[in-house]
Amino acid sequence: MSHSIRILSLIVLALALAACGAANRTRTDLPAGPVPDAGGPAVLYARDGSVVQAGGQAGAPGNGPAATRLPQEGSRTFMLELYQRAIDEKEALALEIKNLEATLAKSRSELAAALKQREALEREHAALESERARLQEENFDLAGRLVTAQVRRLESEKILLESKIEWQRLEERNAPEKAKTVVEKAEKTEKKDN
């Protein structure tokens, strides 16, 4: 059943109820006061129970139960206005509910997207963290190798320097003897030449 058909059926129902209520009025609903005599001017009563003057305007309300109510209270127009206000409020609330549901759905989808993005970032962070740990370990390993190579190089330079120093000492010791042998050889060659 569409929304407009539902509204129309509710209006018809409200009108029927108002008509039933107006048809069941009794003399006790009429304002209290003297009953006009048959020969005098006729007294007209409005739907709300007030006396209508000959000019078509409502007179002062009487003292009866209908007169104690507000002028519009209980009239069909007033009931229709109340019904229309209720329908308008219902439609406004339904529209607000739809807007809030749309906002909620949008927020939920944004939350789901943010959670997926967070999970992706966490996976990426974990991968980068493991890569950083691997590179740091590799760096420590390379630093250890570099230190070992540096120590070996320094040890080799030390051994080389010690060997050179020892070689120079031996040469210095053997230098006078060599000089003697060189001089002797030179003398021998001179003797042969002569």
C-alpha atoms as a PDB file:
ATOM      1  CA  MET A   1       0.000   0.000   0.000  1.00  0.00           C
ATOM      2  CA  SER A   2       1.538   3.289  -1.024  1.00  0.00           C
ATOM      3  CA  HIS A   3       2.103   6.141   1.355  1.00  0.00           C
ATOM      4  CA  SER A   4      -0.504   8.453  -0.251  1.00  0.00           C
ATOM      5  CA  ILE A   5      -3.213   5.753  -0.148  1.00  0.00           C
ATOM      6  CA  ARG A   6      -2.455   5.158   3.510  1.00  0.00           C
ATOM      7  CA  ILE A   7      -2.723   8.884   4.279  1.00  0.00           C
ATOM      8  CA  LEU A   8      -5.994   9.146   2.346  1.00  0.00           C
ATOM      9  CA  SER A   9      -7.512   6.177   4.197  1.00  0.00           C
ATOM     10  CA  LEU A  10      -6.489   7.677   7.554  1.00  0.00           C
ATOM     11  CA  ILE A  11      -8.108  11.007   6.629  1.00  0.00           C
ATOM     12  CA  VAL A  12     -11.341   9.238   5.628  1.00  0.00           C
ATOM     13  CA  LEU A  13     -11.271   7.322   8.932  1.00  0.00           C
ATOM     14  CA  ALA A  14     -10.768  10.538  10.915  1.00  0.00           C
ATOM     15  CA  LEU A  15     -13.667  12.202   9.082  1.00  0.00           C
ATOM     16  CA  ALA A  16     -15.917   9.201   9.745  1.00  0.00           C
ATOM     17  CA  LEU A  17     -15.042   9.253  13.438  1.00  0.00           C
ATOM     18  CA  ALA A  18     -15.693  12.980  13.649  1.00  0.00           C
ATOM     19  CA  ALA A  19     -19.057  12.532  11.896  1.00  0.00           C
ATOM     20  CA  CYS A  20     -20.041   9.770  14.302  1.00  0.00           C
ATOM     21  CA  GLY A  21     -19.144  11.961  17.251  1.00  0.00           C
ATOM     22  CA  ALA A  22     -21.206  14.868  15.887  1.00  0.00           C
ATOM     23  CA  ALA A  23     -24.212  12.664  15.129  1.00  0.00           C
ATOM     24  CA  ASN A  24     -24.402  11.406  18.717  1.00  0.00           C
ATOM     25  CA  ARG A  25     -24.850  14.810  20.324  1.00  0.00           C
ATOM     26  CA  THR A  26     -27.646  15.095  22.847  1.00  0.00           C
ATOM     27  CA  ARG A  27     -29.428  17.945  24.487  1.00  0.00           C
ATOM     28  CA  THR A  28     -26.911  17.858  27.336  1.00  0.00           C
ATOM     29  CA  ASP A  29     -24.216  18.951  24.899  1.00  0.00           C
ATOM     30  CA  LEU A  30     -26.118  22.114  24.145  1.00  0.00           C
ATOM     31  CA  PRO A  31     -25.432  25.171  26.220  1.00  0.00           C
ATOM     32  CA  ALA A  32     -27.567  25.570  29.282  1.00  0.00           C
ATOM     33  CA  GLY A  33     -29.954  28.426  29.393  1.00  0.00           C
ATOM     34  CA  PRO A  34     -33.538  29.323  28.595  1.00  0.00           C
ATOM     35  CA  VAL A  35     -35.119  27.433  25.780  1.00  0.00           C
ATOM     36  CA  PRO A  36     -36.405  29.836  23.193  1.00  0.00           C
ATOM     37  CA  ASP A  37     -40.078  29.891  22.760  1.00  0.00           C
ATOM     38  CA  ALA A  38     -41.580  28.782  19.505  1.00  0.00           C
ATOM     39  CA  GLY A  39     -42.783  32.209  18.547  1.00  0.00           C
ATOM     40  CA  GLY A  40     -39.488  34.038  19.072  1.00  0.00           C
ATOM     41  CA  PRO A  41     -36.392  34.093  16.935  1.00  0.00           C
ATOM     42  CA  ALA A  42     -34.747  30.739  16.469  1.00  0.00           C
ATOM     43  CA  VAL A  43     -31.451  30.166  18.345  1.00  0.00           C
ATOM     44  CA  LEU A  44     -28.729  28.590  16.248  1.00  0.00           C
ATOM     45  CA  TYR A  45     -25.883  26.621  17.757  1.00  0.00           C
ATOM     46  CA  ALA A  46     -22.422  26.195  16.247  1.00  0.00           C
ATOM     47  CA  ARG A  47     -20.571  22.849  16.169  1.00  0.00           C
ATOM     48  CA  ASP A  48     -18.584  23.802  19.228  1.00  0.00           C
ATOM     49  CA  GLY A  49     -21.761  24.527  21.183  1.00  0.00           C
ATOM     50  CA  SER A  50     -21.699  28.304  21.115  1.00  0.00           C
ATOM     51  CA  VAL A  51     -24.801  30.294  20.177  1.00  0.00           C
ATOM     52  CA  VAL A  52     -24.729  31.760  16.679  1.00  0.00           C
ATOM     53  CA  GLN A  53     -26.230  35.248  16.371  1.00  0.00           C
ATOM     54  CA  ALA A  54     -28.466  36.219  13.511  1.00  0.00           C
ATOM     55  CA  GLY A  55     -25.544  37.947  11.768  1.00  0.00           C
ATOM     56  CA  GLY A  56     -23.758  34.626  11.473  1.00  0.00           C
ATOM     57  CA  GLN A  57     -21.276  35.361  14.246  1.00  0.00           C
ATOM     58  CA  ALA A  58     -20.968  33.132  17.268  1.00  0.00           C
ATOM     59  CA  GLY A  59     -22.360  34.572  20.451  1.00  0.00           C
ATOM     60  CA  ALA A  60     -20.910  34.376  23.896  1.00  0.00           C
ATOM     61  CA  PRO A  61     -20.523  30.805  25.033  1.00  0.00           C
ATOM     62  CA  GLY A  62     -23.114  29.510  27.421  1.00  0.00           C
ATOM     63  CA  ASN A  63     -22.590  27.723  30.682  1.00  0.00           C
ATOM     64  CA  GLY A  64     -22.923  24.114  29.433  1.00  0.00           C
ATOM     65  CA  PRO A  65     -20.229  21.428  29.029  1.00  0.00           C
ATOM     66  CA  ALA A  66     -19.704  22.251  25.364  1.00  0.00           C
ATOM     67  CA  ALA A  67     -19.049  25.843  26.280  1.00  0.00           C
ATOM     68  CA  THR A  68     -16.205  24.909  28.638  1.00  0.00           C
ATOM     69  CA  ARG A  69     -14.125  23.515  25.779  1.00  0.00           C
ATOM     70  CA  LEU A  70     -11.967  25.639  23.555  1.00  0.00           C
ATOM     71  CA  PRO A  71     -13.805  26.915  20.504  1.00  0.00           C
ATOM     72  CA  GLN A  72     -11.940  24.658  18.048  1.00  0.00           C
ATOM     73  CA  GLU A  73     -11.547  21.652  20.273  1.00  0.00           C
ATOM     74  CA  GLY A  74     -13.616  18.760  18.939  1.00  0.00           C
ATOM     75  CA  SER A  75     -14.428  20.342  15.593  1.00  0.00           C
ATOM     76  CA  ARG A  76     -13.706  18.455  12.410  1.00  0.00           C
ATOM     77  CA  THR A  77     -11.357  21.138  11.172  1.00  0.00           C
ATOM     78  CA  PHE A  78      -9.381  21.071  14.384  1.00  0.00           C
ATOM     79  CA  MET A  79      -9.177  17.269  14.303  1.00  0.00           C
ATOM     80  CA  LEU A  80      -8.058  17.328  10.675  1.00  0.00           C
ATOM     81  CA  GLU A  81      -5.414  19.934  11.505  1.00  0.00           C
ATOM     82  CA  LEU A  82      -4.154  17.762  14.378  1.00  0.00           C
ATOM     83  CA  TYR A  83      -4.175  14.740  12.112  1.00  0.00           C
ATOM     84  CA  GLN A  84      -2.327  16.629   9.367  1.00  0.00           C
ATOM     85  CA  ARG A  85       0.260  17.848  11.910  1.00  0.00           C
ATOM     86  CA  ALA A  86       0.758  14.275  13.106  1.00  0.00           C
ATOM     87  CA  ILE A  87       1.171  13.038   9.524  1.00  0.00           C
ATOM     88  CA  ASP A  88       3.616  15.872   8.751  1.00  0.00           C
ATOM     89  CA  GLU A  89       5.618  15.075  11.882  1.00  0.00           C
ATOM     90  CA  LYS A  90       5.608  11.385  10.972  1.00  0.00           C
ATOM     91  CA  GLU A  91       6.847  12.169   7.439  1.00  0.00           C
ATOM     92  CA  ALA A  92       9.511  14.528   8.805  1.00  0.00           C
ATOM     93  CA  LEU A  93      10.661  11.894  11.296  1.00  0.00           C
ATOM     94  CA  ALA A  94      10.669   9.213   8.581  1.00  0.00           C
ATOM     95  CA  LEU A  95      12.795  11.491   6.389  1.00  0.00           C
ATOM     96  CA  GLU A  96      15.120  12.193   9.301  1.00  0.00           C
ATOM     97  CA  ILE A  97      15.394   8.446   9.987  1.00  0.00           C
ATOM     98  CA  LYS A  98      16.275   7.830   6.320  1.00  0.00           C
ATOM     99  CA  ASN A  99      18.907  10.569   6.455  1.00  0.00           C
ATOM    100  CA  LEU A 100      20.342   9.177   9.682  1.00  0.00           C
ATOM    101  CA  GLU A 101      20.361   5.642   8.255  1.00  0.00           C
ATOM    102  CA  ALA A 102      22.162   6.913   5.152  1.00  0.00           C
ATOM    103  CA  THR A 103      24.665   8.750   7.332  1.00  0.00           C
ATOM    104  CA  LEU A 104      25.114   5.641   9.466  1.00  0.00           C
ATOM    105  CA  ALA A 105      25.632   3.452   6.391  1.00  0.00           C
ATOM    106  CA  LYS A 106      28.140   5.947   5.006  1.00  0.00           C
ATOM    107  CA  SER A 107      29.963   6.045   8.343  1.00  0.00           C
ATOM    108  CA  ARG A 108      30.022   2.259   8.491  1.00  0.00           C
ATOM    109  CA  SER A 109      31.447   2.015   4.973  1.00  0.00           C
ATOM    110  CA  GLU A 110      34.051   4.661   5.788  1.00  0.00           C
ATOM    111  CA  LEU A 111      34.928   2.770   8.969  1.00  0.00           C
ATOM    112  CA  ALA A 112      35.263  -0.492   7.025  1.00  0.00           C
ATOM    113  CA  ALA A 113      37.489   1.228   4.451  1.00  0.00           C
ATOM    114  CA  ALA A 114      39.579   2.787   7.224  1.00  0.00           C
ATOM    115  CA  LEU A 115      39.936  -0.600   8.932  1.00  0.00           C
ATOM    116  CA  LYS A 116      41.038  -2.213   5.651  1.00  0.00           C
ATOM    117  CA  GLN A 117      43.516   0.599   5.072  1.00  0.00           C
ATOM    118  CA  ARG A 118      44.788   0.220   8.643  1.00  0.00           C
ATOM    119  CA  GLU A 119      45.262  -3.531   8.151  1.00  0.00           C
ATOM    120  CA  ALA A 120      47.138  -2.896   4.900  1.00  0.00           C
ATOM    121  CA  LEU A 121      49.324  -0.314   6.613  1.00  0.00           C
ATOM    122  CA  GLU A 122      49.979  -2.703   9.502  1.00  0.00           C
ATOM    123  CA  ARG A 123      51.026  -5.432   7.043  1.00  0.00           C
ATOM    124  CA  GLU A 124      53.255  -2.959   5.219  1.00  0.00           C
ATOM    125  CA  HIS A 125      54.696  -1.791   8.532  1.00  0.00           C
ATOM    126  CA  ALA A 126      55.416  -5.383   9.566  1.00  0.00           C
ATOM    127  CA  ALA A 127      57.128  -6.057   6.226  1.00  0.00           C
ATOM    128  CA  LEU A 128      59.193  -2.881   6.507  1.00  0.00           C
ATOM    129  CA  GLU A 129      60.053  -3.702  10.124  1.00  0.00           C
ATOM    130  CA  SER A 130      61.281  -7.176   9.160  1.00  0.00           C
ATOM    131  CA  GLU A 131      63.265  -5.653   6.269  1.00  0.00           C
ATOM    132  CA  ARG A 132      64.773  -3.099   8.656  1.00  0.00           C
ATOM    133  CA  ALA A 133      65.717  -5.860  11.109  1.00  0.00           C
ATOM    134  CA  ARG A 134      67.292  -7.887   8.274  1.00  0.00           C
ATOM    135  CA  LEU A 135      69.236  -4.865   7.020  1.00  0.00           C
ATOM    136  CA  GLN A 136      70.349  -4.015  10.545  1.00  0.00           C
ATOM    137  CA  GLU A 137      71.591  -7.567  11.075  1.00  0.00           C
ATOM    138  CA  GLU A 138      73.348  -7.456   7.710  1.00  0.00           C
ATOM    139  CA  ASN A 139      74.864  -4.123   8.698  1.00  0.00           C
ATOM    140  CA  PHE A 140      76.145  -5.596  11.977  1.00  0.00           C
ATOM    141  CA  ASP A 141      77.559  -8.568  10.061  1.00  0.00           C
ATOM    142  CA  LEU A 142      79.290  -6.271   7.560  1.00  0.00           C
ATOM    143  CA  ALA A 143      80.604  -4.109  10.404  1.00  0.00           C
ATOM    144  CA  GLY A 144      82.008  -7.250  12.097  1.00  0.00           C
ATOM    145  CA  ARG A 145      83.657  -8.346   8.839  1.00  0.00           C
ATOM    146  CA  LEU A 146      85.077  -4.873   8.331  1.00  0.00           C
ATOM    147  CA  VAL A 147      86.535  -4.827  11.834  1.00  0.00           C
ATOM    148  CA  THR A 148      88.020  -8.302  11.309  1.00  0.00           C
ATOM    149  CA  ALA A 149      89.513  -7.256   7.955  1.00  0.00           C
ATOM    150  CA  GLN A 150      90.896  -4.067   9.495  1.00  0.00           C
ATOM    151  CA  VAL A 151      92.495  -6.035  12.344  1.00  0.00           C
ATOM    152  CA  ARG A 152      94.052  -8.490   9.873  1.00  0.00           C
ATOM    153  CA  ARG A 153      95.320  -5.624   7.721  1.00  0.00           C
ATOM    154  CA  LEU A 154      96.878  -3.945  10.716  1.00  0.00           C
ATOM    155  CA  GLU A 155      98.418  -7.255  11.815  1.00  0.00           C
ATOM    156  CA  SER A 156      99.801  -7.749   8.282  1.00  0.00           C
ATOM    157  CA  GLU A 157     101.238  -4.218   8.257  1.00  0.00           C
ATOM    158  CA  LYS A 158     102.786  -4.877  11.671  1.00  0.00           C
ATOM    159  CA  ILE A 159     104.358  -8.114  10.445  1.00  0.00           C
ATOM    160  CA  LEU A 160     105.573  -6.355   7.287  1.00  0.00           C
ATOM    161  CA  LEU A 161     107.092  -3.500   9.276  1.00  0.00           C
ATOM    162  CA  GLU A 162     108.728  -5.939  11.684  1.00  0.00           C
ATOM    163  CA  SER A 163     110.108  -7.884   8.714  1.00  0.00           C
ATOM    164  CA  LYS A 164     111.479  -4.705   7.098  1.00  0.00           C
ATOM    165  CA  ILE A 165     113.051  -3.643  10.385  1.00  0.00           C
ATOM    166  CA  GLU A 166     114.624  -7.075  10.798  1.00  0.00           C
ATOM    167  CA  TRP A 167     115.818  -7.028   7.177  1.00  0.00           C
ATOM    168  CA  GLN A 168     117.425  -3.622   7.652  1.00  0.00           C
ATOM    169  CA  ARG A 169     119.170  -4.817  10.823  1.00  0.00           C
ATOM    170  CA  LEU A 170     120.536  -7.853   8.982  1.00  0.00           C
ATOM    171  CA  GLU A 171     121.691  -5.678   6.108  1.00  0.00           C
ATOM    172  CA  GLU A 172     123.390  -3.303   8.492  1.00  0.00           C
ATOM    173  CA  ARG A 173     125.245  -6.218  10.095  1.00  0.00           C
ATOM    174  CA  ASN A 174     126.205  -7.717   6.759  1.00  0.00           C
ATOM    175  CA  ALA A 175     127.081  -4.409   5.157  1.00  0.00           C
ATOM    176  CA  PRO A 176     130.684  -4.214   6.502  1.00  0.00           C
ATOM    177  CA  GLU A 177     131.260  -7.827   5.482  1.00  0.00           C
ATOM    178  CA  LYS A 178     129.832  -7.213   2.056  1.00  0.00           C
ATOM    179  CA  ALA A 179     131.901  -4.130   1.708  1.00  0.00           C
ATOM    180  CA  LYS A 180     134.949  -6.208   2.541  1.00  0.00           C
ATOM    181  CA  THR A 181     133.995  -8.878   0.053  1.00  0.00           C
ATOM    182  CA  VAL A 182     133.257  -6.279  -2.585  1.00  0.00           C
ATOM    183  CA  VAL A 183     136.605  -4.625  -1.975  1.00  0.00           C
ATOM    184  CA  GLU A 184     138.372  -7.986  -2.087  1.00  0.00           C
ATOM    185  CA  LYS A 185     136.677  -8.909  -5.315  1.00  0.00           C
ATOM    186  CA  ALA A 186     137.594  -5.578  -6.786  1.00  0.00           C
ATOM    187  CA  GLU A 187     141.210  -6.087  -5.764  1.00  0.00           C
ATOM    188  CA  LYS A 188     141.283  -9.539  -7.263  1.00  0.00           C
ATOM    189  CA  THR A 189     139.933  -8.295 -10.547  1.00  0.00           C
ATOM    190  CA  GLU A 190     142.547  -5.580 -10.598  1.00  0.00           C
ATOM    191  CA  LYS A 191     145.270  -8.075 -10.014  1.00  0.00           C
ATOM    192  CA  LYS A 192     144.131 -10.199 -12.844  1.00  0.00           C
ATOM    193  CA  ASP A 193     143.946  -7.275 -15.135  1.00  0.00           C
ATOM    194  CA  ASN A 194     147.460  -6.233 -14.326  1.00  0.00           C
END
